[in-house]
Amino acid sequence: MKQFYSDVEGLSREELRNLQSERLRALVRYVYERMPFYRQKFDSLGIKPEDIKDISDITKLPFTTKQDIVDNYPLKLLAVPMKEVVRLQSSSGTTGKNIYISNEGSTSLDKV
């Protein structure tokens, strides 16, 4: 059987749990530092990145709801400055709202 992630697929349960924990901690730090939406959401619940120590702490993290995405898309959900964005794309889903696209770091989102 072919291994797609050979560096991960052979890990013991403990090694996998440690890797998952490490990656979760890094991701939580990243979004907290770079995304005001998540910083505000975490702060309102009294969650700080250092509270996430292990993969089991994932239960402390809030869900991101569809309404969160609708209310904050696209600019409030960016983790990088707009000038670094290559493309923004969205589906209208069942709401029939416009699809927004920005290419090559354009900051023109007049139709948003």
N, C-alpha and C. Protein backbone atom coordinates (compact mmCIF):
# COMPACT_ATOMS: atom_id res chain seq x y z
N MET A 1 0.85 -1.19 0.00
CA MET A 1 0.00 0.00 0.00
C MET A 1 0.89 1.24 0.00
N LYS A 2 0.55 2.20 -0.86
CA LYS A 2 1.34 3.42 -0.98
C LYS A 2 1.08 4.33 0.23
N GLN A 3 2.14 4.90 0.75
CA GLN A 3 2.01 5.87 1.83
C GLN A 3 2.06 7.27 1.24
N PHE A 4 1.08 8.09 1.57
CA PHE A 4 1.04 9.46 1.07
C PHE A 4 1.82 10.41 1.99
N TYR A 5 1.82 10.13 3.26
CA TYR A 5 2.52 10.94 4.25
C TYR A 5 3.43 10.02 5.04
N SER A 6 4.46 9.53 4.40
CA SER A 6 5.32 8.52 5.02
C SER A 6 5.95 9.00 6.32
N ASP A 7 6.14 10.30 6.46
CA ASP A 7 6.73 10.81 7.70
C ASP A 7 5.75 10.77 8.86
N VAL A 8 4.47 10.62 8.59
CA VAL A 8 3.45 10.62 9.63
C VAL A 8 2.80 9.25 9.81
N GLU A 9 2.62 8.55 8.71
CA GLU A 9 1.86 7.30 8.76
C GLU A 9 2.51 6.21 9.60
N GLY A 10 3.79 6.29 9.81
CA GLY A 10 4.46 5.26 10.61
C GLY A 10 4.65 5.63 12.07
N LEU A 11 4.08 6.75 12.49
CA LEU A 11 4.26 7.19 13.87
C LEU A 11 3.46 6.33 14.84
N SER A 12 4.00 6.20 16.04
CA SER A 12 3.24 5.52 17.10
C SER A 12 2.10 6.45 17.53
N ARG A 13 1.15 5.93 18.28
CA ARG A 13 0.04 6.77 18.76
C ARG A 13 0.55 7.95 19.57
N GLU A 14 1.54 7.70 20.41
CA GLU A 14 2.08 8.78 21.23
C GLU A 14 2.77 9.84 20.37
N GLU A 15 3.54 9.40 19.39
CA GLU A 15 4.22 10.34 18.49
C GLU A 15 3.19 11.14 17.68
N LEU A 16 2.13 10.47 17.23
CA LEU A 16 1.09 11.15 16.47
C LEU A 16 0.37 12.18 17.34
N ARG A 17 0.05 11.79 18.56
CA ARG A 17 -0.61 12.72 19.49
C ARG A 17 0.29 13.93 19.76
N ASN A 18 1.59 13.70 19.93
CA ASN A 18 2.51 14.82 20.15
C ASN A 18 2.57 15.74 18.94
N LEU A 19 2.58 15.16 17.74
CA LEU A 19 2.60 15.96 16.52
C LEU A 19 1.30 16.76 16.38
N GLN A 20 0.18 16.12 16.63
CA GLN A 20 -1.11 16.82 16.56
C GLN A 20 -1.17 17.96 17.56
N SER A 21 -0.67 17.71 18.75
CA SER A 21 -0.66 18.75 19.79
C SER A 21 0.22 19.91 19.39
N GLU A 22 1.39 19.61 18.86
CA GLU A 22 2.32 20.65 18.41
C GLU A 22 1.69 21.50 17.30
N ARG A 23 1.06 20.84 16.35
CA ARG A 23 0.46 21.57 15.23
C ARG A 23 -0.76 22.38 15.67
N LEU A 24 -1.54 21.85 16.58
CA LEU A 24 -2.69 22.61 17.10
C LEU A 24 -2.21 23.86 17.84
N ARG A 25 -1.20 23.71 18.69
CA ARG A 25 -0.66 24.87 19.42
C ARG A 25 -0.17 25.94 18.43
N ALA A 26 0.53 25.51 17.40
CA ALA A 26 1.05 26.46 16.40
C ALA A 26 -0.09 27.16 15.66
N LEU A 27 -1.12 26.41 15.30
CA LEU A 27 -2.24 26.99 14.57
C LEU A 27 -3.00 27.99 15.44
N VAL A 28 -3.24 27.65 16.69
CA VAL A 28 -3.96 28.55 17.59
C VAL A 28 -3.15 29.83 17.80
N ARG A 29 -1.85 29.71 17.99
CA ARG A 29 -0.99 30.91 18.11
C ARG A 29 -1.08 31.76 16.85
N TYR A 30 -1.00 31.10 15.69
CA TYR A 30 -1.02 31.80 14.41
C TYR A 30 -2.30 32.61 14.24
N VAL A 31 -3.46 31.98 14.43
CA VAL A 31 -4.72 32.70 14.21
C VAL A 31 -4.93 33.77 15.27
N TYR A 32 -4.50 33.52 16.50
CA TYR A 32 -4.66 34.51 17.56
C TYR A 32 -3.84 35.76 17.26
N GLU A 33 -2.63 35.56 16.78
CA GLU A 33 -1.73 36.69 16.50
C GLU A 33 -2.10 37.44 15.22
N ARG A 34 -2.69 36.76 14.25
CA ARG A 34 -2.87 37.36 12.92
C ARG A 34 -4.31 37.66 12.52
N MET A 35 -5.27 37.13 13.25
CA MET A 35 -6.65 37.29 12.84
C MET A 35 -7.48 37.90 13.96
N PRO A 36 -7.78 39.20 13.84
CA PRO A 36 -8.56 39.86 14.90
C PRO A 36 -9.88 39.15 15.22
N PHE A 37 -10.50 38.56 14.21
CA PHE A 37 -11.76 37.84 14.45
C PHE A 37 -11.57 36.75 15.49
N TYR A 38 -10.53 35.91 15.31
CA TYR A 38 -10.31 34.82 16.26
C TYR A 38 -9.78 35.32 17.59
N ARG A 39 -8.96 36.36 17.57
CA ARG A 39 -8.47 36.91 18.84
C ARG A 39 -9.65 37.38 19.67
N GLN A 40 -10.58 38.10 19.03
CA GLN A 40 -11.76 38.59 19.75
C GLN A 40 -12.63 37.43 20.24
N LYS A 41 -12.80 36.43 19.39
CA LYS A 41 -13.63 35.27 19.76
C LYS A 41 -12.99 34.52 20.95
N PHE A 42 -11.69 34.30 20.88
CA PHE A 42 -10.99 33.61 21.97
C PHE A 42 -11.04 34.45 23.25
N ASP A 43 -10.73 35.75 23.11
CA ASP A 43 -10.73 36.63 24.29
C ASP A 43 -12.10 36.67 24.97
N SER A 44 -13.16 36.69 24.17
CA SER A 44 -14.51 36.76 24.75
C SER A 44 -14.82 35.51 25.57
N LEU A 45 -14.14 34.41 25.25
CA LEU A 45 -14.33 33.16 25.99
C LEU A 45 -13.23 32.92 27.03
N GLY A 46 -12.30 33.89 27.14
CA GLY A 46 -11.21 33.76 28.10
C GLY A 46 -10.16 32.74 27.70
N ILE A 47 -10.00 32.52 26.39
CA ILE A 47 -9.03 31.54 25.90
C ILE A 47 -7.79 32.27 25.39
N LYS A 48 -6.63 31.84 25.84
CA LYS A 48 -5.35 32.36 25.35
C LYS A 48 -4.61 31.20 24.69
N PRO A 49 -3.73 31.49 23.72
CA PRO A 49 -3.00 30.41 23.06
C PRO A 49 -2.28 29.47 24.03
N GLU A 50 -1.77 30.01 25.10
CA GLU A 50 -1.04 29.17 26.05
C GLU A 50 -1.96 28.21 26.82
N ASP A 51 -3.28 28.39 26.71
CA ASP A 51 -4.23 27.46 27.33
C ASP A 51 -4.32 26.15 26.55
N ILE A 52 -3.87 26.16 25.32
CA ILE A 52 -3.94 24.97 24.47
C ILE A 52 -2.60 24.26 24.57
N LYS A 53 -2.58 23.19 25.32
CA LYS A 53 -1.33 22.46 25.58
C LYS A 53 -1.27 21.11 24.88
N ASP A 54 -2.44 20.54 24.59
CA ASP A 54 -2.52 19.18 24.08
C ASP A 54 -3.71 19.09 23.13
N ILE A 55 -3.70 18.10 22.26
CA ILE A 55 -4.79 17.93 21.30
C ILE A 55 -6.14 17.79 22.00
N SER A 56 -6.16 17.28 23.22
CA SER A 56 -7.43 17.16 23.95
C SER A 56 -8.03 18.52 24.28
N ASP A 57 -7.22 19.58 24.25
CA ASP A 57 -7.71 20.93 24.51
C ASP A 57 -8.50 21.50 23.33
N ILE A 58 -8.59 20.77 22.25
CA ILE A 58 -9.37 21.23 21.10
C ILE A 58 -10.81 21.49 21.50
N THR A 59 -11.29 20.81 22.54
CA THR A 59 -12.66 21.00 23.00
C THR A 59 -12.87 22.38 23.62
N LYS A 60 -11.80 23.08 23.96
CA LYS A 60 -11.90 24.43 24.53
C LYS A 60 -12.14 25.48 23.44
N LEU A 61 -11.83 25.12 22.19
CA LEU A 61 -11.90 26.08 21.10
C LEU A 61 -13.33 26.22 20.58
N PRO A 62 -13.72 27.45 20.25
CA PRO A 62 -15.09 27.66 19.75
C PRO A 62 -15.23 27.23 18.30
N PHE A 63 -16.43 26.85 17.94
CA PHE A 63 -16.74 26.57 16.55
C PHE A 63 -16.79 27.88 15.78
N THR A 64 -16.46 27.83 14.51
CA THR A 64 -16.70 28.96 13.62
C THR A 64 -18.00 28.63 12.89
N THR A 65 -19.00 29.47 13.07
CA THR A 65 -20.31 29.19 12.50
C THR A 65 -20.43 29.80 11.10
N LYS A 66 -21.44 29.35 10.40
CA LYS A 66 -21.72 29.92 9.08
C LYS A 66 -21.99 31.42 9.23
N GLN A 67 -22.68 31.81 10.29
CA GLN A 67 -22.98 33.23 10.50
C GLN A 67 -21.70 34.02 10.74
N ASP A 68 -20.73 33.44 11.44
CA ASP A 68 -19.43 34.10 11.63
C ASP A 68 -18.80 34.40 10.28
N ILE A 69 -18.87 33.43 9.38
CA ILE A 69 -18.25 33.60 8.06
C ILE A 69 -19.02 34.64 7.26
N VAL A 70 -20.34 34.57 7.27
CA VAL A 70 -21.16 35.54 6.54
C VAL A 70 -20.90 36.95 7.06
N ASP A 71 -20.84 37.12 8.37
CA ASP A 71 -20.68 38.44 8.97
C ASP A 71 -19.27 39.03 8.81
N ASN A 72 -18.28 38.19 8.61
CA ASN A 72 -16.89 38.67 8.62
C ASN A 72 -16.13 38.48 7.32
N TYR A 73 -16.74 37.80 6.34
CA TYR A 73 -16.07 37.54 5.08
C TYR A 73 -16.04 38.79 4.23
N PRO A 74 -14.97 39.07 3.52
CA PRO A 74 -13.71 38.35 3.49
C PRO A 74 -12.64 39.00 4.36
N LEU A 75 -12.68 40.32 4.49
CA LEU A 75 -11.53 41.03 5.06
C LEU A 75 -11.25 40.71 6.52
N LYS A 76 -12.25 40.48 7.31
CA LYS A 76 -12.03 40.22 8.73
C LYS A 76 -11.55 38.80 9.01
N LEU A 77 -11.50 37.97 7.98
CA LEU A 77 -11.03 36.60 8.16
C LEU A 77 -9.66 36.36 7.52
N LEU A 78 -9.02 37.42 7.06
CA LEU A 78 -7.69 37.26 6.47
C LEU A 78 -6.64 37.10 7.56
N ALA A 79 -5.65 36.27 7.28
CA ALA A 79 -4.54 36.08 8.22
C ALA A 79 -3.27 36.76 7.73
N VAL A 80 -3.35 37.39 6.57
CA VAL A 80 -2.22 38.11 5.99
C VAL A 80 -2.73 39.46 5.50
N PRO A 81 -1.82 40.43 5.30
CA PRO A 81 -2.25 41.71 4.74
C PRO A 81 -2.85 41.53 3.34
N MET A 82 -3.79 42.37 2.99
CA MET A 82 -4.46 42.26 1.69
C MET A 82 -3.47 42.25 0.53
N LYS A 83 -2.38 42.99 0.65
CA LYS A 83 -1.40 43.05 -0.45
C LYS A 83 -0.74 41.69 -0.70
N GLU A 84 -0.82 40.78 0.27
CA GLU A 84 -0.26 39.44 0.09
C GLU A 84 -1.28 38.43 -0.44
N VAL A 85 -2.52 38.84 -0.54
CA VAL A 85 -3.57 37.95 -1.02
C VAL A 85 -3.48 37.85 -2.53
N VAL A 86 -3.46 36.62 -3.01
CA VAL A 86 -3.40 36.39 -4.45
C VAL A 86 -4.81 36.23 -5.00
N ARG A 87 -5.67 35.57 -4.26
CA ARG A 87 -7.02 35.35 -4.75
C ARG A 87 -7.99 35.15 -3.60
N LEU A 88 -9.14 35.77 -3.70
CA LEU A 88 -10.26 35.52 -2.79
C LEU A 88 -11.39 34.96 -3.63
N GLN A 89 -12.00 33.92 -3.16
CA GLN A 89 -13.10 33.35 -3.92
C GLN A 89 -14.12 32.82 -2.94
N SER A 90 -15.36 32.94 -3.30
CA SER A 90 -16.43 32.51 -2.43
C SER A 90 -17.54 31.90 -3.25
N SER A 91 -18.27 31.03 -2.64
CA SER A 91 -19.47 30.47 -3.26
C SER A 91 -20.66 31.23 -2.71
N SER A 92 -21.65 31.43 -3.53
CA SER A 92 -22.87 32.10 -3.06
C SER A 92 -23.73 31.14 -2.24
N GLY A 93 -23.41 29.86 -2.33
CA GLY A 93 -24.20 28.89 -1.59
C GLY A 93 -25.66 28.98 -1.98
N THR A 94 -26.55 28.91 -1.03
CA THR A 94 -27.98 28.98 -1.34
C THR A 94 -28.56 30.36 -1.11
N THR A 95 -27.70 31.32 -0.69
CA THR A 95 -28.21 32.66 -0.39
C THR A 95 -28.37 33.51 -1.63
N GLY A 96 -27.69 33.16 -2.72
CA GLY A 96 -27.77 33.94 -3.94
C GLY A 96 -26.98 35.22 -3.90
N LYS A 97 -26.13 35.39 -2.88
CA LYS A 97 -25.30 36.60 -2.81
C LYS A 97 -24.18 36.50 -3.83
N ASN A 98 -23.61 37.66 -4.15
CA ASN A 98 -22.53 37.73 -5.13
C ASN A 98 -21.33 36.87 -4.75
N ILE A 99 -20.60 36.43 -5.76
CA ILE A 99 -19.33 35.74 -5.56
C ILE A 99 -18.24 36.79 -5.67
N TYR A 100 -17.34 36.83 -4.71
CA TYR A 100 -16.28 37.83 -4.66
C TYR A 100 -14.95 37.21 -5.03
N ILE A 101 -14.25 37.84 -5.94
CA ILE A 101 -12.94 37.35 -6.34
C ILE A 101 -11.98 38.52 -6.39
N SER A 102 -10.79 38.33 -5.85
CA SER A 102 -9.72 39.31 -5.95
C SER A 102 -8.49 38.57 -6.41
N ASN A 103 -7.85 39.03 -7.47
CA ASN A 103 -6.66 38.38 -8.01
C ASN A 103 -5.42 39.25 -7.83
N GLU A 104 -4.27 38.58 -7.75
CA GLU A 104 -2.97 39.25 -7.77
C GLU A 104 -2.85 40.37 -6.75
N GLY A 105 -3.40 40.17 -5.56
CA GLY A 105 -3.22 41.13 -4.48
C GLY A 105 -4.02 42.40 -4.64
N SER A 106 -4.98 42.41 -5.52
CA SER A 106 -5.81 43.59 -5.72
C SER A 106 -6.55 43.93 -4.44
N THR A 107 -6.66 45.20 -4.13
CA THR A 107 -7.41 45.61 -2.95
C THR A 107 -8.77 46.16 -3.34
N SER A 108 -9.11 46.01 -4.61
CA SER A 108 -10.40 46.50 -5.08
C SER A 108 -11.49 45.49 -4.80
N LEU A 109 -12.19 45.71 -3.74
CA LEU A 109 -13.32 44.84 -3.39
C LEU A 109 -14.58 45.69 -3.29
N ASP A 110 -14.73 46.63 -4.23
CA ASP A 110 -15.85 47.55 -4.20
C ASP A 110 -17.20 46.86 -4.22
N LYS A 111 -17.26 45.67 -4.80
CA LYS A 111 -18.53 44.99 -4.93
C LYS A 111 -18.82 44.08 -3.75
N VAL A 112 -17.96 44.11 -2.74
CA VAL A 112 -18.17 43.27 -1.57
C VAL A 112 -19.28 43.83 -0.74
